Structures are given as C-alpha cells and as structure tokens.
Amino acid sequence: MIESTDRDSASPLQPGFGSRRPPILDTCHALASDSPVVAKHYPEFYTGEANSLTTAEG
C-alpha cells in the first residue's frame, strides 16, 4: 500500500504548499509574484510593494 504524504496531497494552487515556493508562481500575469492574488494566497512569496496591497484590496 502506498501512503500519501502532505506533499502528495498539496496542490500548488492552494495555500499550504509548505515552505517551498509553489511552482505555479510567475507562470502568468494573475500569479505573478507581485500580484494581489499572490499577496492574498501566498503572502510569504509576495514581492510587490506593501502599499499596493491596501489599494488592491480596498
């Protein structure tokens, strides 16, 4: 029987991918490391300006 690990069940599209940078980041405009989507779902990998977060969310 093959046991699944957290890595096997984690999706690169879902938060909780672990401490590794999700490979899906920077593959399109919406998932650019400085986009509001990344700021919301992957804040530890967000590279944009902190000021733009309040503007994008507000």
Protein backbone atom coordinates (compact mmCIF):
# COMPACT_ATOMS: atom_id res chain seq x y z
CA MET A 1 0.00 0.00 0.00
CA ILE A 2 1.30 3.45 -0.93
CA GLU A 3 0.92 6.08 1.74
CA SER A 4 0.37 9.64 0.66
CA THR A 5 2.36 12.45 2.19
CA ASP A 6 1.45 16.09 2.70
CA ARG A 7 3.50 16.87 -0.37
CA ASP A 8 1.44 14.44 -2.44
CA SER A 9 -1.87 15.93 -1.36
CA ALA A 10 -0.85 19.59 -1.50
CA SER A 11 -1.82 21.45 -4.63
CA PRO A 12 0.36 24.25 -5.97
CA LEU A 13 -2.86 26.22 -6.47
CA GLN A 14 -3.85 26.00 -2.80
CA PRO A 15 -2.24 27.70 0.19
CA GLY A 16 -0.39 25.30 2.44
CA PHE A 17 2.08 24.10 -0.16
CA GLY A 18 4.67 24.17 2.59
CA SER A 19 7.69 26.40 2.91
CA ARG A 20 8.71 25.76 -0.68
CA ARG A 21 7.83 28.31 -3.33
CA PRO A 22 4.88 26.97 -5.34
CA PRO A 23 6.00 26.23 -8.91
CA ILE A 24 2.84 27.84 -10.31
CA LEU A 25 4.01 31.33 -9.27
CA ASP A 26 5.22 33.62 -12.07
CA THR A 27 3.69 31.43 -14.76
CA CYS A 28 1.07 34.01 -15.77
CA HIS A 29 0.00 37.59 -15.05
CA ALA A 30 -2.51 36.61 -12.35
CA LEU A 31 0.04 34.52 -10.48
CA ALA A 32 2.94 36.96 -10.81
CA SER A 33 4.82 37.22 -7.54
CA ASP A 34 3.81 40.89 -7.25
CA SER A 35 0.09 40.36 -7.96
CA PRO A 36 -2.77 40.80 -5.47
CA VAL A 37 -3.64 37.10 -5.89
CA VAL A 38 -0.21 36.04 -4.64
CA ALA A 39 -0.36 38.66 -1.87
CA LYS A 40 -3.63 37.13 -0.66
CA HIS A 41 -2.94 33.41 -1.08
CA TYR A 42 0.86 33.23 -0.81
CA PRO A 43 1.88 36.29 1.24
CA GLU A 44 5.25 34.77 2.12
CA PHE A 45 6.16 34.78 -1.59
CA TYR A 46 4.72 38.21 -2.44
CA THR A 47 7.37 40.54 -3.86
CA GLY A 48 5.31 43.66 -4.60
CA GLU A 49 5.12 46.85 -2.61
CA ALA A 50 3.35 46.72 0.75
CA ASN A 51 1.45 49.92 -0.14
CA SER A 52 -0.23 48.36 -3.15
CA LEU A 53 -1.92 45.72 -1.01
CA THR A 54 -4.24 48.19 0.69
CA THR A 55 -5.06 49.81 -2.66
CA ALA A 56 -5.77 46.46 -4.36
CA GLU A 57 -7.97 45.17 -1.53
CA GLY A 58 -9.77 48.42 -0.77
